[in-house]
């Protein structure tokens, strides 16, 4: 949430092209870059803290089982 808030508060988009297929130029101030980087580092720190916990491993196992379920296989067949 903090990372999302930092990007929303610090990134300003101007000169939006009329043709949206064109590239969009985004400039972030040095102070804004520091805020966004700090929040991104917090996300990495939390990830490193939880990645080896039992609930996280359980979630990974559950996602693997779901990925091999009949429901997902049916959706793959539809694609």
PDB file of N, CA and C in Angstrom:
ATOM      1  N   UNK A   1       0.825  -1.187   0.000  1.00  0.00           N
ATOM      2  CA  UNK A   1       0.000   0.000   0.000  1.00  0.00           C
ATOM      3  C   UNK A   1       0.873   1.256   0.000  1.00  0.00           C
ATOM      4  N   UNK A   2       1.967   1.233   0.799  1.00  0.00           N
ATOM      5  CA  UNK A   2       2.844   2.399   0.867  1.00  0.00           C
ATOM      6  C   UNK A   2       3.525   2.651  -0.468  1.00  0.00           C
ATOM      7  N   UNK A   3       3.928   1.557  -1.161  1.00  0.00           N
ATOM      8  CA  UNK A   3       4.556   1.716  -2.470  1.00  0.00           C
ATOM      9  C   UNK A   3       3.566   2.329  -3.449  1.00  0.00           C
ATOM     10  N   UNK A   4       2.334   1.832  -3.446  1.00  0.00           N
ATOM     11  CA  UNK A   4       1.303   2.372  -4.339  1.00  0.00           C
ATOM     12  C   UNK A   4       1.069   3.854  -4.049  1.00  0.00           C
ATOM     13  N   UNK A   5       1.000   4.192  -2.764  1.00  0.00           N
ATOM     14  CA  UNK A   5       0.783   5.591  -2.367  1.00  0.00           C
ATOM     15  C   UNK A   5       1.962   6.461  -2.795  1.00  0.00           C
ATOM     16  N   UNK A   6       3.192   5.951  -2.633  1.00  0.00           N
ATOM     17  CA  UNK A   6       4.376   6.719  -3.014  1.00  0.00           C
ATOM     18  C   UNK A   6       4.381   6.989  -4.514  1.00  0.00           C
ATOM     19  N   UNK A   7       4.047   5.966  -5.307  1.00  0.00           N
ATOM     20  CA  UNK A   7       4.018   6.163  -6.762  1.00  0.00           C
ATOM     21  C   UNK A   7       2.924   7.159  -7.127  1.00  0.00           C
ATOM     22  N   UNK A   8       1.759   7.015  -6.503  1.00  0.00           N
ATOM     23  CA  UNK A   8       0.649   7.930  -6.805  1.00  0.00           C
ATOM     24  C   UNK A   8       1.005   9.371  -6.448  1.00  0.00           C
ATOM     25  N   UNK A   9       1.693   9.569  -5.325  1.00  0.00           N
ATOM     26  CA  UNK A   9       2.017  10.917  -4.875  1.00  0.00           C
ATOM     27  C   UNK A   9       3.232  11.513  -5.568  1.00  0.00           C
ATOM     28  N   UNK A  10       4.160  10.680  -5.997  1.00  0.00           N
ATOM     29  CA  UNK A  10       5.429  11.192  -6.502  1.00  0.00           C
ATOM     30  C   UNK A  10       5.567  11.177  -8.020  1.00  0.00           C
ATOM     31  N   UNK A  11       4.793  10.366  -8.717  1.00  0.00           N
ATOM     32  CA  UNK A  11       4.904  10.280 -10.176  1.00  0.00           C
ATOM     33  C   UNK A  11       3.855  11.199 -10.797  1.00  0.00           C
ATOM     34  N   UNK A  12       4.312  12.119 -11.604  1.00  0.00           N
ATOM     35  CA  UNK A  12       3.419  13.038 -12.298  1.00  0.00           C
ATOM     36  C   UNK A  12       3.499  12.750 -13.790  1.00  0.00           C
ATOM     37  N   UNK A  13       2.351  12.540 -14.408  1.00  0.00           N
ATOM     38  CA  UNK A  13       2.304  12.249 -15.839  1.00  0.00           C
ATOM     39  C   UNK A  13       1.743  13.475 -16.542  1.00  0.00           C
ATOM     40  N   UNK A  14       2.525  14.003 -17.468  1.00  0.00           N
ATOM     41  CA  UNK A  14       2.095  15.165 -18.236  1.00  0.00           C
ATOM     42  C   UNK A  14       2.300  14.887 -19.717  1.00  0.00           C
ATOM     43  N   UNK A  15       1.765  15.714 -20.535  1.00  0.00           N
ATOM     44  CA  UNK A  15       1.919  15.589 -21.985  1.00  0.00           C
ATOM     45  C   UNK A  15       1.508  14.202 -22.476  1.00  0.00           C
ATOM     46  N   UNK A  16       0.305  13.780 -22.114  1.00  0.00           N
ATOM     47  CA  UNK A  16      -0.196  12.487 -22.572  1.00  0.00           C
ATOM     48  C   UNK A  16      -0.435  12.589 -24.072  1.00  0.00           C
ATOM     49  N   UNK A  17       0.145  11.697 -24.859  1.00  0.00           N
ATOM     50  CA  UNK A  17      -0.013  11.764 -26.312  1.00  0.00           C
ATOM     51  C   UNK A  17      -1.449  11.473 -26.733  1.00  0.00           C
ATOM     52  N   UNK A  18      -1.864  12.104 -27.821  1.00  0.00           N
ATOM     53  CA  UNK A  18      -3.209  11.873 -28.337  1.00  0.00           C
ATOM     54  C   UNK A  18      -3.339  10.436 -28.831  1.00  0.00           C
ATOM     55  N   UNK A  19      -2.299   9.933 -29.442  1.00  0.00           N
ATOM     56  CA  UNK A  19      -2.270   8.557 -29.919  1.00  0.00           C
ATOM     57  C   UNK A  19      -1.656   7.700 -28.808  1.00  0.00           C
ATOM     58  N   UNK A  20      -2.482   6.947 -28.110  1.00  0.00           N
ATOM     59  CA  UNK A  20      -2.007   6.200 -26.936  1.00  0.00           C
ATOM     60  C   UNK A  20      -1.036   5.083 -27.289  1.00  0.00           C
ATOM     61  N   UNK A  21      -0.848   4.791 -28.573  1.00  0.00           N
ATOM     62  CA  UNK A  21       0.129   3.773 -28.947  1.00  0.00           C
ATOM     63  C   UNK A  21       1.538   4.350 -28.914  1.00  0.00           C
ATOM     64  N   UNK A  22       1.642   5.678 -28.821  1.00  0.00           N
ATOM     65  CA  UNK A  22       2.951   6.318 -28.728  1.00  0.00           C
ATOM     66  C   UNK A  22       3.526   6.100 -27.342  1.00  0.00           C
ATOM     67  N   UNK A  23       4.805   6.320 -27.231  1.00  0.00           N
ATOM     68  CA  UNK A  23       5.444   6.190 -25.928  1.00  0.00           C
ATOM     69  C   UNK A  23       5.085   7.365 -25.043  1.00  0.00           C
ATOM     70  N   UNK A  24       4.978   7.110 -23.778  1.00  0.00           N
ATOM     71  CA  UNK A  24       4.605   8.104 -22.790  1.00  0.00           C
ATOM     72  C   UNK A  24       5.842   8.434 -21.978  1.00  0.00           C
ATOM     73  N   UNK A  25       6.115   9.710 -21.804  1.00  0.00           N
ATOM     74  CA  UNK A  25       7.288  10.130 -21.044  1.00  0.00           C
ATOM     75  C   UNK A  25       6.869  10.409 -19.603  1.00  0.00           C
ATOM     76  N   UNK A  26       7.583   9.777 -18.667  1.00  0.00           N
ATOM     77  CA  UNK A  26       7.308   9.968 -17.246  1.00  0.00           C
ATOM     78  C   UNK A  26       8.592  10.447 -16.585  1.00  0.00           C
ATOM     79  N   UNK A  27       8.490  11.554 -15.861  1.00  0.00           N
ATOM     80  CA  UNK A  27       9.638  12.075 -15.128  1.00  0.00           C
ATOM     81  C   UNK A  27       9.319  12.063 -13.648  1.00  0.00           C
ATOM     82  N   UNK A  28      10.295  11.623 -12.850  1.00  0.00           N
ATOM     83  CA  UNK A  28      10.139  11.571 -11.405  1.00  0.00           C
ATOM     84  C   UNK A  28      11.272  12.384 -10.794  1.00  0.00           C
ATOM     85  N   UNK A  29      10.920  13.264  -9.871  1.00  0.00           N
ATOM     86  CA  UNK A  29      11.933  14.104  -9.227  1.00  0.00           C
ATOM     87  C   UNK A  29      12.876  13.232  -8.403  1.00  0.00           C
ATOM     88  N   UNK A  30      14.081  13.711  -8.116  1.00  0.00           N
ATOM     89  CA  UNK A  30      15.005  12.942  -7.280  1.00  0.00           C
ATOM     90  C   UNK A  30      14.402  12.596  -5.915  1.00  0.00           C
ATOM     91  N   UNK A  31      13.669  13.535  -5.330  1.00  0.00           N
ATOM     92  CA  UNK A  31      13.027  13.253  -4.041  1.00  0.00           C
ATOM     93  C   UNK A  31      11.977  12.155  -4.205  1.00  0.00           C
ATOM     94  N   UNK A  32      11.224  12.225  -5.281  1.00  0.00           N
ATOM     95  CA  UNK A  32      10.220  11.200  -5.561  1.00  0.00           C
ATOM     96  C   UNK A  32      10.854   9.846  -5.800  1.00  0.00           C
ATOM     97  N   UNK A  33      11.976   9.835  -6.505  1.00  0.00           N
ATOM     98  CA  UNK A  33      12.695   8.586  -6.736  1.00  0.00           C
ATOM     99  C   UNK A  33      13.120   7.957  -5.417  1.00  0.00           C
ATOM    100  N   UNK A  34      13.584   8.784  -4.494  1.00  0.00           N
ATOM    101  CA  UNK A  34      14.032   8.280  -3.193  1.00  0.00           C
ATOM    102  C   UNK A  34      12.863   7.670  -2.420  1.00  0.00           C
ATOM    103  N   UNK A  35      11.707   8.331  -2.447  1.00  0.00           N
ATOM    104  CA  UNK A  35      10.532   7.816  -1.742  1.00  0.00           C
ATOM    105  C   UNK A  35      10.097   6.484  -2.338  1.00  0.00           C
ATOM    106  N   UNK A  36      10.025   6.422  -3.653  1.00  0.00           N
ATOM    107  CA  UNK A  36       9.596   5.194  -4.326  1.00  0.00           C
ATOM    108  C   UNK A  36      10.591   4.070  -4.074  1.00  0.00           C
ATOM    109  N   UNK A  37      11.871   4.372  -4.147  1.00  0.00           N
ATOM    110  CA  UNK A  37      12.894   3.349  -3.907  1.00  0.00           C
ATOM    111  C   UNK A  37      12.827   2.827  -2.470  1.00  0.00           C
ATOM    112  N   UNK A  38      12.624   3.725  -1.519  1.00  0.00           N
ATOM    113  CA  UNK A  38      12.528   3.318  -0.112  1.00  0.00           C
ATOM    114  C   UNK A  38      11.349   2.362   0.089  1.00  0.00           C
ATOM    115  N   UNK A  39      10.205   2.695  -0.500  1.00  0.00           N
ATOM    116  CA  UNK A  39       9.034   1.830  -0.364  1.00  0.00           C
ATOM    117  C   UNK A  39       9.246   0.501  -1.078  1.00  0.00           C
ATOM    118  N   UNK A  40       9.901   0.517  -2.238  1.00  0.00           N
ATOM    119  CA  UNK A  40      10.185  -0.727  -2.955  1.00  0.00           C
ATOM    120  C   UNK A  40      11.125  -1.604  -2.130  1.00  0.00           C
ATOM    121  N   UNK A  41      12.083  -1.005  -1.452  1.00  0.00           N
ATOM    122  CA  UNK A  41      12.994  -1.770  -0.601  1.00  0.00           C
ATOM    123  C   UNK A  41      12.241  -2.396   0.567  1.00  0.00           C
ATOM    124  N   UNK A  42      11.234  -1.697   1.076  1.00  0.00           N
ATOM    125  CA  UNK A  42      10.414  -2.256   2.149  1.00  0.00           C
ATOM    126  C   UNK A  42       9.678  -3.502   1.665  1.00  0.00           C
ATOM    127  N   UNK A  43       9.187  -3.463   0.431  1.00  0.00           N
ATOM    128  CA  UNK A  43       8.494  -4.623  -0.128  1.00  0.00           C
ATOM    129  C   UNK A  43       9.463  -5.798  -0.202  1.00  0.00           C
ATOM    130  N   UNK A  44      10.685  -5.547  -0.658  1.00  0.00           N
ATOM    131  CA  UNK A  44      11.688  -6.610  -0.752  1.00  0.00           C
ATOM    132  C   UNK A  44      12.038  -7.160   0.631  1.00  0.00           C
ATOM    133  N   UNK A  45      12.149  -6.293   1.622  1.00  0.00           N
ATOM    134  CA  UNK A  45      12.487  -6.738   2.979  1.00  0.00           C
ATOM    135  C   UNK A  45      11.385  -7.634   3.543  1.00  0.00           C
ATOM    136  N   UNK A  46      10.134  -7.256   3.330  1.00  0.00           N
ATOM    137  CA  UNK A  46       9.025  -8.078   3.818  1.00  0.00           C
ATOM    138  C   UNK A  46       9.003  -9.411   3.088  1.00  0.00           C
ATOM    139  N   UNK A  47       9.210  -9.377   1.774  1.00  0.00           N
ATOM    140  CA  UNK A  47       9.246 -10.614   0.981  1.00  0.00           C
ATOM    141  C   UNK A  47      10.308 -11.556   1.547  1.00  0.00           C
ATOM    142  N   UNK A  48      11.506 -11.046   1.786  1.00  0.00           N
ATOM    143  CA  UNK A  48      12.582 -11.880   2.316  1.00  0.00           C
ATOM    144  C   UNK A  48      12.243 -12.415   3.700  1.00  0.00           C
ATOM    145  N   UNK A  49      11.470 -11.675   4.461  1.00  0.00           N
ATOM    146  CA  UNK A  49      11.088 -12.088   5.807  1.00  0.00           C
ATOM    147  C   UNK A  49      10.046 -13.215   5.790  1.00  0.00           C
ATOM    148  N   UNK A  50       9.116 -13.181   4.848  1.00  0.00           N
ATOM    149  CA  UNK A  50       8.013 -14.147   4.857  1.00  0.00           C
ATOM    150  C   UNK A  50       8.209 -15.331   3.910  1.00  0.00           C
ATOM    151  N   UNK A  51       9.155 -15.262   2.994  1.00  0.00           N
ATOM    152  CA  UNK A  51       9.238 -16.279   1.947  1.00  0.00           C
ATOM    153  C   UNK A  51       9.504 -17.691   2.460  1.00  0.00           C
ATOM    154  N   UNK A  52      10.098 -17.843   3.615  1.00  0.00           N
ATOM    155  CA  UNK A  52      10.395 -19.168   4.143  1.00  0.00           C
ATOM    156  C   UNK A  52       9.463 -19.589   5.283  1.00  0.00           C
ATOM    157  N   UNK A  53       8.392 -18.842   5.498  1.00  0.00           N
ATOM    158  CA  UNK A  53       7.470 -19.184   6.574  1.00  0.00           C
ATOM    159  C   UNK A  53       6.519 -20.295   6.130  1.00  0.00           C
ATOM    160  N   UNK A  54       5.970 -21.008   7.087  1.00  0.00           N
ATOM    161  CA  UNK A  54       5.062 -22.119   6.789  1.00  0.00           C
ATOM    162  C   UNK A  54       3.815 -21.667   6.018  1.00  0.00           C
ATOM    163  N   UNK A  55       3.149 -20.577   6.415  1.00  0.00           N
ATOM    164  CA  UNK A  55       1.970 -20.153   5.641  1.00  0.00           C
ATOM    165  C   UNK A  55       2.308 -19.839   4.187  1.00  0.00           C
ATOM    166  N   UNK A  56       3.465 -19.256   3.950  1.00  0.00           N
ATOM    167  CA  UNK A  56       3.861 -18.923   2.579  1.00  0.00           C
ATOM    168  C   UNK A  56       4.107 -20.198   1.777  1.00  0.00           C
ATOM    169  N   UNK A  57       4.786 -21.174   2.392  1.00  0.00           N
ATOM    170  CA  UNK A  57       5.024 -22.447   1.701  1.00  0.00           C
ATOM    171  C   UNK A  57       3.702 -23.159   1.441  1.00  0.00           C
ATOM    172  N   UNK A  58       2.778 -23.100   2.407  1.00  0.00           N
ATOM    173  CA  UNK A  58       1.461 -23.718   2.208  1.00  0.00           C
ATOM    174  C   UNK A  58       0.736 -23.084   1.030  1.00  0.00           C
ATOM    175  N   UNK A  59       0.836 -21.768   0.914  1.00  0.00           N
ATOM    176  CA  UNK A  59       0.185 -21.075  -0.195  1.00  0.00           C
ATOM    177  C   UNK A  59       0.766 -21.557  -1.518  1.00  0.00           C
ATOM    178  N   UNK A  60       2.086 -21.691  -1.579  1.00  0.00           N
ATOM    179  CA  UNK A  60       2.730 -22.170  -2.801  1.00  0.00           C
ATOM    180  C   UNK A  60       2.247 -23.558  -3.180  1.00  0.00           C
ATOM    181  N   UNK A  61       2.153 -24.449  -2.207  1.00  0.00           N
ATOM    182  CA  UNK A  61       1.668 -25.808  -2.466  1.00  0.00           C
ATOM    183  C   UNK A  61       0.218 -25.784  -2.935  1.00  0.00           C
ATOM    184  N   UNK A  62      -0.583 -24.951  -2.301  1.00  0.00           N
ATOM    185  CA  UNK A  62      -1.997 -24.846  -2.696  1.00  0.00           C
ATOM    186  C   UNK A  62      -2.131 -24.339  -4.124  1.00  0.00           C
ATOM    187  N   UNK A  63      -1.315 -23.365  -4.492  1.00  0.00           N
ATOM    188  CA  UNK A  63      -1.370 -22.841  -5.863  1.00  0.00           C
ATOM    189  C   UNK A  63      -0.933 -23.898  -6.875  1.00  0.00           C
ATOM    190  N   UNK A  64       0.049 -24.704  -6.526  1.00  0.00           N
ATOM    191  CA  UNK A  64       0.475 -25.772  -7.432  1.00  0.00           C
ATOM    192  C   UNK A  64      -0.638 -26.795  -7.625  1.00  0.00           C
ATOM    193  N   UNK A  65      -1.297 -27.181  -6.517  1.00  0.00           N
ATOM    194  CA  UNK A  65      -2.414 -28.133  -6.626  1.00  0.00           C
ATOM    195  C   UNK A  65      -3.542 -27.544  -7.467  1.00  0.00           C
ATOM    196  N   UNK A  66      -3.858 -26.264  -7.248  1.00  0.00           N
ATOM    197  CA  UNK A  66      -4.908 -25.615  -8.016  1.00  0.00           C
ATOM    198  C   UNK A  66      -4.533 -25.563  -9.499  1.00  0.00           C
ATOM    199  N   UNK A  67      -3.256 -25.285  -9.787  1.00  0.00           N
ATOM    200  CA  UNK A  67      -2.805 -25.215 -11.177  1.00  0.00           C
ATOM    201  C   UNK A  67      -2.938 -26.533 -11.908  1.00  0.00           C
ATOM    202  N   UNK A  68      -2.948 -27.631 -11.166  1.00  0.00           N
ATOM    203  CA  UNK A  68      -3.094 -28.957 -11.764  1.00  0.00           C
ATOM    204  C   UNK A  68      -4.513 -29.508 -11.621  1.00  0.00           C
ATOM    205  N   UNK A  69      -5.443 -28.675 -11.164  1.00  0.00           N
ATOM    206  CA  UNK A  69      -6.813 -29.138 -10.937  1.00  0.00           C
ATOM    207  C   UNK A  69      -7.567 -29.295 -12.253  1.00  0.00           C
ATOM    208  N   UNK A  70      -8.664 -30.035 -12.173  1.00  0.00           N
ATOM    209  CA  UNK A  70      -9.512 -30.239 -13.352  1.00  0.00           C
ATOM    210  C   UNK A  70     -10.072 -28.912 -13.862  1.00  0.00           C
ATOM    211  N   UNK A  71     -10.380 -28.020 -12.934  1.00  0.00           N
ATOM    212  CA  UNK A  71     -10.922 -26.711 -13.324  1.00  0.00           C
ATOM    213  C   UNK A  71      -9.941 -25.941 -14.210  1.00  0.00           C
ATOM    214  N   UNK A  72      -8.691 -25.910 -13.797  1.00  0.00           N
ATOM    215  CA  UNK A  72      -7.675 -25.184 -14.570  1.00  0.00           C
ATOM    216  C   UNK A  72      -7.407 -25.903 -15.886  1.00  0.00           C
ATOM    217  N   UNK A  73      -7.390 -27.224 -15.859  1.00  0.00           N
ATOM    218  CA  UNK A  73      -7.189 -27.972 -17.099  1.00  0.00           C
ATOM    219  C   UNK A  73      -8.304 -27.671 -18.097  1.00  0.00           C
ATOM    220  N   UNK A  74      -9.528 -27.564 -17.597  1.00  0.00           N
ATOM    221  CA  UNK A  74     -10.663 -27.229 -18.457  1.00  0.00           C
ATOM    222  C   UNK A  74     -10.475 -25.822 -19.074  1.00  0.00           C
ATOM    223  N   UNK A  75     -10.013 -24.868 -18.253  1.00  0.00           N
ATOM    224  CA  UNK A  75      -9.783 -23.522 -18.776  1.00  0.00           C
ATOM    225  C   UNK A  75      -8.680 -23.514 -19.832  1.00  0.00           C
ATOM    226  N   UNK A  76      -7.661 -24.335 -19.629  1.00  0.00           N
ATOM    227  CA  UNK A  76      -6.591 -24.427 -20.635  1.00  0.00           C
ATOM    228  C   UNK A  76      -7.126 -24.980 -21.941  1.00  0.00           C
ATOM    229  N   UNK A  77      -8.019 -25.941 -21.839  1.00  0.00           N
ATOM    230  CA  UNK A  77      -8.631 -26.524 -23.045  1.00  0.00           C
ATOM    231  C   UNK A  77      -9.450 -25.471 -23.807  1.00  0.00           C
ATOM    232  N   UNK A  78     -10.096 -24.581 -23.063  1.00  0.00           N
ATOM    233  CA  UNK A  78     -10.888 -23.526 -23.702  1.00  0.00           C
ATOM    234  C   UNK A  78      -9.999 -22.555 -24.465  1.00  0.00           C
ATOM    235  N   UNK A  79      -8.793 -22.313 -23.942  1.00  0.00           N
ATOM    236  CA  UNK A  79      -7.877 -21.405 -24.628  1.00  0.00           C
ATOM    237  C   UNK A  79      -7.404 -22.033 -25.907  1.00  0.00           C
TER     238      UNK A  79
END
